[in-house]
Amino acid sequence: MSKTLVIGANGQIGKQLIKLLCADDNQVKAMIRDSQQAAYFQELGAETIIADLESPLPETAFEDCDKVVFTAGSGGKTGADKTILIDLWGAVKAIDMSKKHNIKQFVMVSARDAGNPETGTEAIKHYNICKHFADEYLLASGVPYTILRPGKLIDDKATGHISTQRTGEADKDVITRADVAACIHYCLNHTESINQIDELYNGNETIPQAFINSVSGRLG
């Protein structure tokens, strides 16, 4: 059975995604930096791969996989240097390895303003720029992609309802990390999400309906 590699597995979104995947009996590889993090994923039934995005990625991480999720991030407390190394260069290395191993779907967890960093918050402009060029590299790679651009992340419980359209109101253009994990889970199981770019916010549509409407809107 083909496996899904989750890069950034120990992050808040990654942990919730792997829990969802394992609950559905998907074969999962969790890429983590520290062997002490392994027990959580192994108890869920996931295989663990110890690797650091700041170093060359091991071939074994991508072997027997047909899908890759990139939900790694340097975090808000690090400087621009780490953002470049993880969010941009780490993503580039993962995309190159995915192309080499003929990955059938690469799900990139990007950022709302990655499409045009000039429109985003000035304080995190460097982050949006890194996400922008990581997305562009994926688009140019030929690897089948799904790019998800969530709004401001919050830690509330999952709602199960989202929107792919921003309102322009800061207090509304947010989404729970749990709902982002659920969106990734949905996209990995529905081929219509391949070669799609969607923003993600909490909203009034069910996750399936929001993605169906998004695809229909593009085809229309």
C-alpha atoms as a PDB file:
ATOM      1  CA  MET A   1       0.000   0.000   0.000  1.00  0.00           C
ATOM      2  CA  SER A   2       1.295   3.459  -0.888  1.00  0.00           C
ATOM      3  CA  LYS A   3       2.073   5.805   1.960  1.00  0.00           C
ATOM      4  CA  THR A   4       1.656   9.473   2.768  1.00  0.00           C
ATOM      5  CA  LEU A   5       4.718  11.322   4.024  1.00  0.00           C
ATOM      6  CA  VAL A   6       3.943  14.191   6.393  1.00  0.00           C
ATOM      7  CA  ILE A   7       6.787  16.709   6.662  1.00  0.00           C
ATOM      8  CA  GLY A   8       6.414  18.808   9.776  1.00  0.00           C
ATOM      9  CA  ALA A   9       4.597  16.000  11.535  1.00  0.00           C
ATOM     10  CA  ASN A  10       5.302  17.262  15.045  1.00  0.00           C
ATOM     11  CA  GLY A  11       3.663  20.614  14.412  1.00  0.00           C
ATOM     12  CA  GLN A  12       0.146  21.343  15.611  1.00  0.00           C
ATOM     13  CA  ILE A  13      -1.426  20.750  12.203  1.00  0.00           C
ATOM     14  CA  GLY A  14       0.795  17.754  11.439  1.00  0.00           C
ATOM     15  CA  LYS A  15      -0.126  15.927  14.633  1.00  0.00           C
ATOM     16  CA  GLN A  16      -3.831  16.356  14.025  1.00  0.00           C
ATOM     17  CA  LEU A  17      -3.520  15.315  10.385  1.00  0.00           C
ATOM     18  CA  ILE A  18      -1.672  12.113  11.210  1.00  0.00           C
ATOM     19  CA  LYS A  19      -4.291  11.253  13.811  1.00  0.00           C
ATOM     20  CA  LEU A  20      -6.992  11.606  11.142  1.00  0.00           C
ATOM     21  CA  LEU A  21      -5.043   9.587   8.579  1.00  0.00           C
ATOM     22  CA  CYS A  22      -4.256   6.758  10.967  1.00  0.00           C
ATOM     23  CA  ALA A  23      -7.874   6.611  12.114  1.00  0.00           C
ATOM     24  CA  ASP A  24      -8.755   5.816   8.473  1.00  0.00           C
ATOM     25  CA  ASP A  25      -6.070   3.109   8.332  1.00  0.00           C
ATOM     26  CA  ASN A  26      -3.901   5.102   5.925  1.00  0.00           C
ATOM     27  CA  GLN A  27      -0.240   4.159   5.799  1.00  0.00           C
ATOM     28  CA  VAL A  28       1.654   7.185   7.086  1.00  0.00           C
ATOM     29  CA  LYS A  29       5.246   8.267   7.500  1.00  0.00           C
ATOM     30  CA  ALA A  30       5.815  11.037  10.030  1.00  0.00           C
ATOM     31  CA  MET A  31       8.975  13.061   9.430  1.00  0.00           C
ATOM     32  CA  ILE A  32      10.285  14.390  12.738  1.00  0.00           C
ATOM     33  CA  ARG A  33      13.532  15.956  13.924  1.00  0.00           C
ATOM     34  CA  ASP A  34      13.867  14.236  17.318  1.00  0.00           C
ATOM     35  CA  SER A  35      13.599  10.529  18.098  1.00  0.00           C
ATOM     36  CA  GLN A  36      11.995  11.450  21.429  1.00  0.00           C
ATOM     37  CA  GLN A  37       8.940  12.617  19.448  1.00  0.00           C
ATOM     38  CA  ALA A  38       8.456   9.199  17.855  1.00  0.00           C
ATOM     39  CA  ALA A  39       6.336   7.501  20.517  1.00  0.00           C
ATOM     40  CA  TYR A  40       3.263   9.669  19.870  1.00  0.00           C
ATOM     41  CA  PHE A  41       3.185   8.744  16.172  1.00  0.00           C
ATOM     42  CA  GLN A  42       4.083   5.098  16.645  1.00  0.00           C
ATOM     43  CA  GLU A  43       1.210   4.673  19.094  1.00  0.00           C
ATOM     44  CA  LEU A  44      -1.132   5.996  16.397  1.00  0.00           C
ATOM     45  CA  GLY A  45       0.285   3.474  13.939  1.00  0.00           C
ATOM     46  CA  ALA A  46       2.498   5.768  11.886  1.00  0.00           C
ATOM     47  CA  GLU A  47       6.035   5.019  10.768  1.00  0.00           C
ATOM     48  CA  THR A  48       8.587   7.631  11.814  1.00  0.00           C
ATOM     49  CA  ILE A  49      11.478   9.093   9.834  1.00  0.00           C
ATOM     50  CA  ILE A  50      14.123  11.155  11.621  1.00  0.00           C
ATOM     51  CA  ALA A  51      15.237  13.993   9.374  1.00  0.00           C
ATOM     52  CA  ASP A  52      16.078  17.684   9.525  1.00  0.00           C
ATOM     53  CA  LEU A  53      14.963  20.071   6.785  1.00  0.00           C
ATOM     54  CA  GLU A  54      18.189  22.004   7.243  1.00  0.00           C
ATOM     55  CA  SER A  55      20.126  18.918   6.097  1.00  0.00           C
ATOM     56  CA  PRO A  56      19.884  16.731   2.992  1.00  0.00           C
ATOM     57  CA  LEU A  57      16.652  14.729   3.041  1.00  0.00           C
ATOM     58  CA  PRO A  58      16.953  10.936   3.180  1.00  0.00           C
ATOM     59  CA  GLU A  59      15.785   8.918   0.192  1.00  0.00           C
ATOM     60  CA  THR A  60      14.080   6.489   2.584  1.00  0.00           C
ATOM     61  CA  ALA A  61      11.594   9.165   3.621  1.00  0.00           C
ATOM     62  CA  PHE A  62      10.061   9.222   0.121  1.00  0.00           C
ATOM     63  CA  GLU A  63      10.317   5.546  -0.754  1.00  0.00           C
ATOM     64  CA  ASP A  64       6.980   3.691  -0.981  1.00  0.00           C
ATOM     65  CA  CYS A  65       5.107   7.019  -0.833  1.00  0.00           C
ATOM     66  CA  ASP A  66       2.720   8.424  -3.404  1.00  0.00           C
ATOM     67  CA  LYS A  67       1.657  11.545  -1.479  1.00  0.00           C
ATOM     68  CA  VAL A  68       3.555  14.197   0.465  1.00  0.00           C
ATOM     69  CA  VAL A  69       2.256  16.876   2.815  1.00  0.00           C
ATOM     70  CA  PHE A  70       4.515  19.828   3.607  1.00  0.00           C
ATOM     71  CA  THR A  71       3.254  21.460   6.798  1.00  0.00           C
ATOM     72  CA  ALA A  72       6.632  22.358   8.250  1.00  0.00           C
ATOM     73  CA  GLY A  73       7.447  25.850   9.423  1.00  0.00           C
ATOM     74  CA  SER A  74      10.224  27.621  11.241  1.00  0.00           C
ATOM     75  CA  GLY A  75       7.789  29.174  13.716  1.00  0.00           C
ATOM     76  CA  GLY A  76       7.049  32.742  14.671  1.00  0.00           C
ATOM     77  CA  LYS A  77       9.881  33.015  17.188  1.00  0.00           C
ATOM     78  CA  THR A  78      12.732  32.458  14.746  1.00  0.00           C
ATOM     79  CA  GLY A  79      14.433  34.966  12.482  1.00  0.00           C
ATOM     80  CA  ALA A  80      14.231  35.375   8.720  1.00  0.00           C
ATOM     81  CA  ASP A  81      17.259  33.114   8.295  1.00  0.00           C
ATOM     82  CA  LYS A  82      15.379  30.082   9.651  1.00  0.00           C
ATOM     83  CA  THR A  83      12.313  30.972   7.587  1.00  0.00           C
ATOM     84  CA  ILE A  84      14.466  30.862   4.450  1.00  0.00           C
ATOM     85  CA  LEU A  85      16.060  27.557   5.439  1.00  0.00           C
ATOM     86  CA  ILE A  86      12.828  25.779   6.433  1.00  0.00           C
ATOM     87  CA  ASP A  87       9.845  27.368   4.691  1.00  0.00           C
ATOM     88  CA  LEU A  88      11.631  27.990   1.400  1.00  0.00           C
ATOM     89  CA  TRP A  89      14.748  25.877   1.000  1.00  0.00           C
ATOM     90  CA  GLY A  90      13.314  22.946   2.971  1.00  0.00           C
ATOM     91  CA  ALA A  91      10.249  23.004   0.730  1.00  0.00           C
ATOM     92  CA  VAL A  92      12.409  23.138  -2.411  1.00  0.00           C
ATOM     93  CA  LYS A  93      14.338  20.058  -1.295  1.00  0.00           C
ATOM     94  CA  ALA A  94      11.107  18.213  -0.524  1.00  0.00           C
ATOM     95  CA  ILE A  95       9.682  19.111  -3.943  1.00  0.00           C
ATOM     96  CA  ASP A  96      12.853  17.935  -5.707  1.00  0.00           C
ATOM     97  CA  MET A  97      12.733  14.621  -3.858  1.00  0.00           C
ATOM     98  CA  SER A  98       9.033  14.279  -4.633  1.00  0.00           C
ATOM     99  CA  LYS A  99       9.710  14.748  -8.330  1.00  0.00           C
ATOM    100  CA  LYS A 100      12.499  12.187  -8.203  1.00  0.00           C
ATOM    101  CA  HIS A 101      10.180   9.652  -6.557  1.00  0.00           C
ATOM    102  CA  ASN A 102       7.194  10.342  -8.838  1.00  0.00           C
ATOM    103  CA  ILE A 103       4.927  11.572  -6.054  1.00  0.00           C
ATOM    104  CA  LYS A 104       1.317  11.736  -7.243  1.00  0.00           C
ATOM    105  CA  GLN A 105       0.207  14.625  -4.994  1.00  0.00           C
ATOM    106  CA  PHE A 106       2.164  17.218  -3.034  1.00  0.00           C
ATOM    107  CA  VAL A 107       0.012  19.151  -0.558  1.00  0.00           C
ATOM    108  CA  MET A 108       1.634  22.443   0.389  1.00  0.00           C
ATOM    109  CA  VAL A 109       0.399  24.251   3.482  1.00  0.00           C
ATOM    110  CA  SER A 110       1.200  27.788   2.423  1.00  0.00           C
ATOM    111  CA  ALA A 111      -0.019  31.185   3.632  1.00  0.00           C
ATOM    112  CA  ARG A 112      -2.917  33.455   2.768  1.00  0.00           C
ATOM    113  CA  ASP A 113      -0.730  36.204   1.315  1.00  0.00           C
ATOM    114  CA  ALA A 114       1.746  33.946  -0.488  1.00  0.00           C
ATOM    115  CA  GLY A 115       0.089  34.858  -3.781  1.00  0.00           C
ATOM    116  CA  ASN A 116       1.069  38.505  -3.360  1.00  0.00           C
ATOM    117  CA  PRO A 117       3.307  39.246  -0.369  1.00  0.00           C
ATOM    118  CA  GLU A 118       2.945  42.983  -0.997  1.00  0.00           C
ATOM    119  CA  THR A 119      -0.632  42.807   0.312  1.00  0.00           C
ATOM    120  CA  GLY A 120       0.212  41.024   3.550  1.00  0.00           C
ATOM    121  CA  THR A 121       1.264  42.102   7.002  1.00  0.00           C
ATOM    122  CA  GLU A 122       4.582  43.947   6.854  1.00  0.00           C
ATOM    123  CA  ALA A 123       5.938  42.212   9.970  1.00  0.00           C
ATOM    124  CA  ILE A 124       5.798  38.804   8.294  1.00  0.00           C
ATOM    125  CA  LYS A 125       6.557  39.897   4.748  1.00  0.00           C
ATOM    126  CA  HIS A 126       9.711  37.767   4.684  1.00  0.00           C
ATOM    127  CA  TYR A 127       7.573  34.728   5.586  1.00  0.00           C
ATOM    128  CA  ASN A 128       5.039  35.409   2.831  1.00  0.00           C
ATOM    129  CA  ILE A 129       7.863  35.903   0.329  1.00  0.00           C
ATOM    130  CA  CYS A 130       9.369  32.532   1.253  1.00  0.00           C
ATOM    131  CA  LYS A 131       5.959  30.889   0.919  1.00  0.00           C
ATOM    132  CA  HIS A 132       5.435  32.639  -2.416  1.00  0.00           C
ATOM    133  CA  PHE A 133       8.601  31.288  -3.963  1.00  0.00           C
ATOM    134  CA  ALA A 134       8.079  27.805  -2.475  1.00  0.00           C
ATOM    135  CA  ASP A 135       4.642  27.744  -4.103  1.00  0.00           C
ATOM    136  CA  GLU A 136       6.047  28.977  -7.402  1.00  0.00           C
ATOM    137  CA  TYR A 137       8.743  26.310  -7.323  1.00  0.00           C
ATOM    138  CA  LEU A 138       6.102  23.642  -6.768  1.00  0.00           C
ATOM    139  CA  LEU A 139       3.976  24.987  -9.624  1.00  0.00           C
ATOM    140  CA  ALA A 140       6.970  24.896 -11.976  1.00  0.00           C
ATOM    141  CA  SER A 141       8.145  21.448 -10.880  1.00  0.00           C
ATOM    142  CA  GLY A 142       5.524  19.386 -12.681  1.00  0.00           C
ATOM    143  CA  VAL A 143       4.661  17.559  -9.468  1.00  0.00           C
ATOM    144  CA  PRO A 144       0.861  17.307  -9.049  1.00  0.00           C
ATOM    145  CA  TYR A 145       0.033  19.831  -6.365  1.00  0.00           C
ATOM    146  CA  THR A 146      -2.571  21.044  -3.924  1.00  0.00           C
ATOM    147  CA  ILE A 147      -1.724  24.418  -2.406  1.00  0.00           C
ATOM    148  CA  LEU A 148      -3.683  25.465   0.662  1.00  0.00           C
ATOM    149  CA  ARG A 149      -3.389  29.032   1.926  1.00  0.00           C
ATOM    150  CA  PRO A 150      -4.997  29.298   5.360  1.00  0.00           C
ATOM    151  CA  GLY A 151      -5.854  32.573   7.051  1.00  0.00           C
ATOM    152  CA  LYS A 152      -4.720  33.399  10.563  1.00  0.00           C
ATOM    153  CA  LEU A 153      -4.429  30.149  12.497  1.00  0.00           C
ATOM    154  CA  ILE A 154      -6.281  29.721  15.784  1.00  0.00           C
ATOM    155  CA  ASP A 155      -6.429  26.869  18.276  1.00  0.00           C
ATOM    156  CA  ASP A 156     -10.187  26.484  18.700  1.00  0.00           C
ATOM    157  CA  LYS A 157     -11.878  23.126  18.150  1.00  0.00           C
ATOM    158  CA  ALA A 158     -12.662  21.998  14.621  1.00  0.00           C
ATOM    159  CA  THR A 159     -15.881  23.386  13.198  1.00  0.00           C
ATOM    160  CA  GLY A 160     -16.097  21.214  10.088  1.00  0.00           C
ATOM    161  CA  HIS A 161     -17.205  24.291   8.140  1.00  0.00           C
ATOM    162  CA  ILE A 162     -14.979  26.496   6.010  1.00  0.00           C
ATOM    163  CA  SER A 163     -14.887  29.034   3.206  1.00  0.00           C
ATOM    164  CA  THR A 164     -12.365  29.418   0.421  1.00  0.00           C
ATOM    165  CA  GLN A 165     -13.241  33.103   0.066  1.00  0.00           C
ATOM    166  CA  ARG A 166     -11.806  35.827   2.284  1.00  0.00           C
ATOM    167  CA  THR A 167     -14.061  38.520   3.703  1.00  0.00           C
ATOM    168  CA  GLY A 168     -11.400  41.184   4.168  1.00  0.00           C
ATOM    169  CA  GLU A 169     -12.333  41.449   7.842  1.00  0.00           C
ATOM    170  CA  ALA A 170      -9.401  40.450  10.037  1.00  0.00           C
ATOM    171  CA  ASP A 171     -11.515  38.897  12.799  1.00  0.00           C
ATOM    172  CA  LYS A 172     -13.331  36.667  10.286  1.00  0.00           C
ATOM    173  CA  ASP A 173     -10.450  35.614   8.046  1.00  0.00           C
ATOM    174  CA  VAL A 174      -9.209  32.985  10.476  1.00  0.00           C
ATOM    175  CA  ILE A 175      -9.277  29.198  10.589  1.00  0.00           C
ATOM    176  CA  THR A 176      -8.643  26.600  13.267  1.00  0.00           C
ATOM    177  CA  ARG A 177      -5.604  24.406  12.910  1.00  0.00           C
ATOM    178  CA  ALA A 178      -7.920  21.422  13.371  1.00  0.00           C
ATOM    179  CA  ASP A 179      -9.980  22.500  10.352  1.00  0.00           C
ATOM    180  CA  VAL A 180      -6.816  22.932   8.273  1.00  0.00           C
ATOM    181  CA  ALA A 181      -5.844  19.356   9.176  1.00  0.00           C
ATOM    182  CA  ALA A 182      -9.326  18.198   8.148  1.00  0.00           C
ATOM    183  CA  CYS A 183      -9.002  20.055   4.830  1.00  0.00           C
ATOM    184  CA  ILE A 184      -5.668  18.371   4.094  1.00  0.00           C
ATOM    185  CA  HIS A 185      -7.205  15.017   4.976  1.00  0.00           C
ATOM    186  CA  TYR A 186     -10.056  15.693   2.559  1.00  0.00           C
ATOM    187  CA  CYS A 187      -7.731  16.776  -0.257  1.00  0.00           C
ATOM    188  CA  LEU A 188      -5.588  13.668   0.080  1.00  0.00           C
ATOM    189  CA  ASN A 189      -8.677  11.547  -0.522  1.00  0.00           C
ATOM    190  CA  HIS A 190     -10.262  13.517  -3.372  1.00  0.00           C
ATOM    191  CA  THR A 191      -8.461  13.849  -6.673  1.00  0.00           C
ATOM    192  CA  GLU A 192     -10.413  16.956  -7.716  1.00  0.00           C
ATOM    193  CA  SER A 193      -8.199  18.918  -5.318  1.00  0.00           C
ATOM    194  CA  ILE A 194      -5.105  18.137  -7.403  1.00  0.00           C
ATOM    195  CA  ASN A 195      -3.674  21.162  -9.209  1.00  0.00           C
ATOM    196  CA  GLN A 196      -5.860  23.487  -7.142  1.00  0.00           C
ATOM    197  CA  ILE A 197      -4.916  26.525  -5.043  1.00  0.00           C
ATOM    198  CA  ASP A 198      -7.363  27.474  -2.302  1.00  0.00           C
ATOM    199  CA  GLU A 199      -7.420  29.910   0.568  1.00  0.00           C
ATOM    200  CA  LEU A 200      -8.936  28.527   3.768  1.00  0.00           C
ATOM    201  CA  TYR A 201     -11.071  30.271   6.373  1.00  0.00           C
ATOM    202  CA  ASN A 202     -13.698  29.171   8.821  1.00  0.00           C
ATOM    203  CA  GLY A 203     -17.075  29.610   7.167  1.00  0.00           C
ATOM    204  CA  ASN A 204     -20.513  28.158   6.605  1.00  0.00           C
ATOM    205  CA  GLU A 205     -19.909  25.412   4.049  1.00  0.00           C
ATOM    206  CA  THR A 206     -18.962  21.856   4.885  1.00  0.00           C
ATOM    207  CA  ILE A 207     -15.420  21.012   3.867  1.00  0.00           C
ATOM    208  CA  PRO A 208     -16.527  18.799   0.933  1.00  0.00           C
ATOM    209  CA  GLN A 209     -18.993  21.392  -0.324  1.00  0.00           C
ATOM    210  CA  ALA A 210     -16.466  24.230  -0.107  1.00  0.00           C
ATOM    211  CA  PHE A 211     -13.966  22.337  -2.244  1.00  0.00           C
ATOM    212  CA  ILE A 212     -16.642  21.168  -4.702  1.00  0.00           C
ATOM    213  CA  ASN A 213     -17.834  24.762  -5.122  1.00  0.00           C
ATOM    214  CA  SER A 214     -14.253  25.955  -5.575  1.00  0.00           C
ATOM    215  CA  VAL A 215     -13.625  23.453  -8.366  1.00  0.00           C
ATOM    216  CA  SER A 216     -16.982  24.228  -9.979  1.00  0.00           C
ATOM    217  CA  GLY A 217     -16.235  27.943  -9.876  1.00  0.00           C
ATOM    218  CA  ARG A 218     -12.969  27.461 -11.720  1.00  0.00           C
ATOM    219  CA  LEU A 219     -14.538  25.177 -14.328  1.00  0.00           C
ATOM    220  CA  GLY A 220     -17.449  27.595 -14.762  1.00  0.00           C
END
